[in-house]
Amino acid sequence: MKIATYNVNGVNGRLPVLLKWLAETQPDVVCLQELKAPQEKFPLSAINEAGYDAIWHGQKSWNGVAVLAKQGIGMEERRRGLDGDDDDLQSRYLEVMVRETVIGCIYLPNGNPAPGPKFDYKMRWFERLAAHSEMLITSGKPAMLVGDFNVMPTEKDVYKPEKWVDDALFRPEVRAAFFDLVNQGWTDALRHLYPDETIYTFWDYFRQAFQRNAGLRIDHFLLSEDLVPKLKEVQVDKFVRGWEKTSDHAPVWIELED
């Protein structure tokens, strides 16, 4: 099974790019982030015509997450949102079950500027995610956390790390929160197969970042222990970042043995 994550940076504005990528690569399951569309504006008809079912959690102008699955695979929603803050209305977490595997689609807050209220919200959200993910990892069910974590875990994951030391994606407490999450029993799929390679998933639109490969690795797959032996491949579809009117992220995918 091929499972992908893609921060589309606007599902309606980037719809031609999304549909082209789906047609060319045919992932079985796709986690989307940053829909930037209210619930009623999700392009369900176009997604269905492309051969996919969809569950989505939209929000006007910002955020939004969705999971697509090839028609016939079957997908069941388990939850939307995280416990711990009844006042949090941001659409950032969607959890589904696909073939006995729990998939949590994540759009973790950016947190800039740091320090400040947005950074505090990011750290609180991380705490809520950690509380939920611990329940997942101890449940005994195969599970994965997938999406845009807005974290570069190590210096390997960022071009010129010295320029990012005060950024909310790279501050020590953010990286520590990521590794506290991993240490619950999750495996970073890309680093499991490619521990030393320079691999990025995001390139800014400015200063020819993509052309210079001045990127970041902020889109991640965390796998529960029982999924790790089934992991066959992890790849970044970097070529999509070079298309016209594309997202500043590239799709990332893993392949698991059925």
Protein backbone atom coordinates (compact mmCIF):
# COMPACT_ATOMS: atom_id res chain seq x y z
CA MET A 1 0.00 0.00 0.00
CA LYS A 2 1.27 3.44 -0.96
CA ILE A 3 0.41 6.17 1.56
CA ALA A 4 1.25 9.83 0.93
CA THR A 5 1.16 13.17 2.67
CA TYR A 6 0.89 16.49 0.87
CA ASN A 7 0.49 20.01 2.19
CA VAL A 8 -1.36 21.41 -0.81
CA ASN A 9 -1.33 25.06 0.35
CA GLY A 10 -4.91 25.60 -0.85
CA VAL A 11 -6.86 22.63 -2.18
CA ASN A 12 -8.98 24.63 -4.62
CA GLY A 13 -6.26 26.92 -5.90
CA ARG A 14 -3.87 23.98 -6.37
CA LEU A 15 -6.53 21.49 -7.52
CA PRO A 16 -5.05 21.00 -11.03
CA VAL A 17 -1.67 20.19 -9.45
CA LEU A 18 -3.24 17.78 -6.97
CA LEU A 19 -5.25 15.98 -9.65
CA LYS A 20 -2.25 15.72 -11.98
CA TRP A 21 -0.12 14.26 -9.21
CA LEU A 22 -2.83 11.77 -8.22
CA ALA A 23 -3.20 10.64 -11.83
CA GLU A 24 0.53 10.21 -12.35
CA THR A 25 1.46 8.52 -9.07
CA GLN A 26 -1.73 6.74 -7.92
CA PRO A 27 -1.21 6.61 -4.14
CA ASP A 28 -3.69 4.44 -2.27
CA VAL A 29 -4.17 6.85 0.61
CA VAL A 30 -3.32 10.57 0.82
CA CYS A 31 -3.24 12.86 3.85
CA LEU A 32 -3.71 16.49 2.83
CA GLN A 33 -2.98 19.58 4.92
CA GLU A 34 -3.61 23.30 4.64
CA LEU A 35 -6.82 22.98 2.63
CA LYS A 36 -7.65 26.68 3.17
CA ALA A 37 -11.29 25.90 2.39
CA PRO A 38 -14.46 25.78 4.49
CA GLN A 39 -16.19 22.44 4.83
CA GLU A 40 -18.71 23.14 2.05
CA LYS A 41 -16.03 24.24 -0.44
CA PHE A 42 -14.01 21.04 -0.49
CA PRO A 43 -13.81 19.84 -4.16
CA LEU A 44 -15.38 16.45 -3.50
CA SER A 45 -16.74 15.94 -7.03
CA ALA A 46 -13.32 16.39 -8.62
CA ILE A 47 -11.72 14.09 -6.04
CA ASN A 48 -14.40 11.44 -6.67
CA GLU A 49 -13.92 11.73 -10.43
CA ALA A 50 -10.21 11.09 -9.86
CA GLY A 51 -11.13 7.79 -8.21
CA TYR A 52 -10.89 8.71 -4.53
CA ASP A 53 -13.20 8.86 -1.54
CA ALA A 54 -12.54 11.66 0.94
CA ILE A 55 -13.06 12.63 4.55
CA TRP A 56 -12.20 16.23 5.36
CA HIS A 57 -12.21 18.80 8.13
CA GLY A 58 -12.25 22.24 6.55
CA GLN A 59 -11.84 25.76 7.85
CA LYS A 60 -12.42 29.08 6.14
CA SER A 61 -9.22 30.71 4.84
CA TRP A 62 -6.78 28.67 6.94
CA ASN A 63 -5.72 25.20 8.05
CA GLY A 64 -7.86 22.18 7.10
CA VAL A 65 -6.97 18.50 6.77
CA ALA A 66 -8.31 15.65 4.65
CA VAL A 67 -7.69 11.98 3.95
CA LEU A 68 -8.28 10.51 0.49
CA ALA A 69 -8.50 6.79 -0.22
CA LYS A 70 -8.87 5.01 -3.52
CA GLN A 71 -12.46 3.99 -4.07
CA GLY A 72 -12.96 0.43 -2.90
CA ILE A 73 -10.26 0.48 -0.23
CA GLY A 74 -12.64 1.57 2.51
CA MET A 75 -12.03 4.22 5.14
CA GLU A 76 -13.72 5.05 8.43
CA GLU A 77 -13.42 8.28 10.40
CA ARG A 78 -12.32 7.85 14.02
CA ARG A 79 -11.98 11.44 15.23
CA ARG A 80 -11.42 15.04 14.24
CA GLY A 81 -9.52 17.33 16.56
CA LEU A 82 -7.60 16.58 19.74
CA ASP A 83 -8.82 16.52 23.34
CA GLY A 84 -7.58 19.03 25.87
CA ASP A 85 -8.89 22.39 24.64
CA ASP A 86 -12.60 22.84 23.97
CA ASP A 87 -11.96 26.38 22.68
CA ASP A 88 -9.59 25.26 19.92
CA LEU A 89 -11.54 25.43 16.65
CA GLN A 90 -8.60 25.11 14.27
CA SER A 91 -8.85 22.20 11.82
CA ARG A 92 -5.56 20.42 12.32
CA TYR A 93 -6.14 16.75 13.13
CA LEU A 94 -8.18 14.06 11.39
CA GLU A 95 -7.97 10.36 12.21
CA VAL A 96 -9.20 7.47 10.08
CA MET A 97 -9.00 3.70 9.96
CA VAL A 98 -7.85 2.10 6.71
CA ARG A 99 -7.41 -1.68 6.53
CA GLU A 100 -7.02 -2.07 10.30
CA THR A 101 -4.41 0.72 10.45
CA VAL A 102 -5.05 3.99 12.28
CA ILE A 103 -3.87 7.03 10.31
CA GLY A 104 -3.66 10.41 12.03
CA CYS A 105 -3.41 13.29 9.55
CA ILE A 106 -1.61 16.23 11.18
CA TYR A 107 -1.14 19.91 10.43
CA LEU A 108 0.83 21.06 13.46
CA PRO A 109 0.90 24.81 14.14
CA ASN A 110 3.76 26.87 12.71
CA GLY A 111 4.29 28.83 15.92
CA ASN A 112 5.99 31.96 14.57
CA PRO A 113 6.80 34.50 15.77
CA ALA A 114 8.55 32.94 18.73
CA PRO A 115 8.32 33.63 21.56
CA GLY A 116 4.70 34.72 21.59
CA PRO A 117 1.08 33.50 21.72
CA LYS A 118 1.38 31.51 18.47
CA PHE A 119 4.41 29.68 19.80
CA ASP A 120 2.64 28.97 23.09
CA TYR A 121 -0.30 27.53 21.13
CA LYS A 122 2.08 25.32 19.16
CA MET A 123 3.62 23.89 22.32
CA ARG A 124 0.20 23.28 23.90
CA TRP A 125 -0.96 21.57 20.71
CA PHE A 126 2.15 19.40 20.78
CA GLU A 127 1.30 18.37 24.36
CA ARG A 128 -2.22 17.43 23.33
CA LEU A 129 -0.90 15.45 20.36
CA ALA A 130 1.55 13.62 22.64
CA ALA A 131 -1.24 12.66 25.05
CA HIS A 132 -3.31 11.24 22.21
CA SER A 133 -0.42 9.54 20.42
CA GLU A 134 0.56 7.76 23.62
CA MET A 135 -2.90 6.22 23.72
CA LEU A 136 -2.47 5.15 20.09
CA ILE A 137 0.95 3.60 20.61
CA THR A 138 -0.23 1.63 23.65
CA SER A 139 -3.48 0.48 22.03
CA GLY A 140 -1.87 -2.39 20.16
CA LYS A 141 -3.34 -1.23 16.84
CA PRO A 142 -1.05 -0.53 13.87
CA ALA A 143 -0.89 3.25 13.63
CA MET A 144 0.88 6.12 11.94
CA LEU A 145 1.05 9.88 12.42
CA VAL A 146 1.35 11.60 9.07
CA GLY A 147 1.63 15.14 7.83
CA ASP A 148 3.14 18.58 8.19
CA PHE A 149 4.66 18.72 11.69
CA ASN A 150 6.31 22.12 11.17
CA VAL A 151 9.44 20.73 12.84
CA MET A 152 12.93 20.15 11.50
CA PRO A 153 14.13 17.46 13.94
CA THR A 154 17.89 17.72 13.32
CA GLU A 155 20.44 19.87 11.54
CA LYS A 156 20.34 17.37 8.64
CA ASP A 157 16.76 18.48 8.04
CA VAL A 158 17.40 22.15 7.28
CA TYR A 159 19.55 24.11 4.86
CA LYS A 160 21.94 26.34 6.83
CA PRO A 161 20.61 25.46 10.29
CA GLU A 162 22.47 28.34 11.91
CA LYS A 163 19.96 30.72 10.33
CA TRP A 164 17.00 28.96 11.96
CA VAL A 165 18.03 28.78 15.62
CA ASP A 166 15.32 31.21 16.76
CA ASP A 167 12.59 30.00 14.42
CA ALA A 168 9.56 28.17 15.86
CA LEU A 169 10.22 25.21 13.55
CA PHE A 170 13.72 24.67 14.94
CA ARG A 171 13.81 25.97 18.51
CA PRO A 172 15.23 23.45 21.00
CA GLU A 173 11.95 22.99 22.86
CA VAL A 174 10.12 22.17 19.59
CA ARG A 175 12.71 19.62 18.55
CA ALA A 176 12.64 18.14 22.06
CA ALA A 177 8.85 17.82 21.85
CA PHE A 178 9.20 15.97 18.55
CA PHE A 179 11.70 13.50 19.99
CA ASP A 180 9.62 13.05 23.13
CA LEU A 181 6.83 12.02 20.76
CA VAL A 182 9.08 9.64 18.83
CA ASN A 183 10.35 8.10 22.06
CA GLN A 184 6.86 6.92 22.93
CA GLY A 185 7.61 4.13 20.46
CA TRP A 186 7.26 5.74 17.03
CA THR A 187 9.74 5.39 14.15
CA ASP A 188 10.59 8.25 11.79
CA ALA A 189 10.10 6.35 8.53
CA LEU A 190 12.38 8.43 6.33
CA ARG A 191 15.28 8.42 8.78
CA HIS A 192 14.80 4.69 9.38
CA LEU A 193 15.65 3.99 5.72
CA TYR A 194 17.84 7.02 4.99
CA PRO A 195 19.61 7.98 8.23
CA ASP A 196 22.25 10.27 6.73
CA GLU A 197 20.91 11.66 3.45
CA THR A 198 19.99 15.30 2.91
CA ILE A 199 16.30 15.12 2.01
CA TYR A 200 13.90 18.06 2.06
CA THR A 201 10.11 18.27 1.67
CA PHE A 202 9.58 22.07 1.62
CA TRP A 203 11.17 24.90 -0.32
CA ASP A 204 10.15 28.54 0.15
CA TYR A 205 8.85 30.51 -2.83
CA PHE A 206 11.45 33.23 -2.19
CA ARG A 207 15.15 33.60 -3.07
CA GLN A 208 15.02 30.68 -5.54
CA ALA A 209 15.03 28.25 -2.64
CA PHE A 210 13.90 25.31 -4.78
CA GLN A 211 16.48 25.95 -7.48
CA ARG A 212 19.20 26.13 -4.81
CA ASN A 213 17.78 23.16 -2.89
CA ALA A 214 17.61 25.38 0.18
CA GLY A 215 14.90 23.34 1.83
CA LEU A 216 13.47 21.93 5.02
CA ARG A 217 12.21 18.50 6.05
CA ILE A 218 8.99 19.19 7.94
CA ASP A 219 6.61 16.55 6.51
CA HIS A 220 6.93 13.29 8.40
CA PHE A 221 5.69 9.72 8.79
CA LEU A 222 5.84 8.28 12.30
CA LEU A 223 5.10 4.54 12.38
CA SER A 224 4.16 2.25 15.24
CA GLU A 225 6.50 -0.64 15.86
CA ASP A 226 4.49 -3.29 14.05
CA LEU A 227 4.47 -1.27 10.81
CA VAL A 228 8.24 -0.80 10.63
CA PRO A 229 9.03 -4.32 9.28
CA LYS A 230 6.52 -3.68 6.48
CA LEU A 231 8.20 -0.45 5.36
CA LYS A 232 9.59 -0.91 1.85
CA GLU A 233 10.27 2.64 0.65
CA VAL A 234 10.05 6.34 1.47
CA GLN A 235 10.29 8.98 -1.23
CA VAL A 236 9.71 12.67 -1.83
CA ASP A 237 8.07 13.57 -5.16
CA LYS A 238 10.36 16.56 -5.50
CA PHE A 239 9.46 17.00 -9.17
CA VAL A 240 5.98 18.21 -8.18
CA ARG A 241 7.55 21.22 -6.45
CA GLY A 242 8.87 22.26 -9.87
CA TRP A 243 5.43 22.39 -11.51
CA GLU A 244 3.67 25.68 -12.21
CA LYS A 245 1.35 27.06 -9.51
CA THR A 246 2.43 24.31 -7.14
CA SER A 247 2.58 24.15 -3.36
CA ASP A 248 5.76 25.06 -1.51
CA HIS A 249 5.70 21.48 -0.18
CA ALA A 250 6.33 18.32 -2.20
CA PRO A 251 4.34 15.13 -1.65
CA VAL A 252 6.02 12.50 0.51
CA TRP A 253 5.04 8.84 0.40
CA ILE A 254 5.81 5.49 1.95
CA GLU A 255 5.17 2.02 0.63
CA LEU A 256 4.12 -0.73 3.03
CA GLU A 257 3.83 -4.41 2.33
CA ASP A 258 0.15 -5.42 2.43
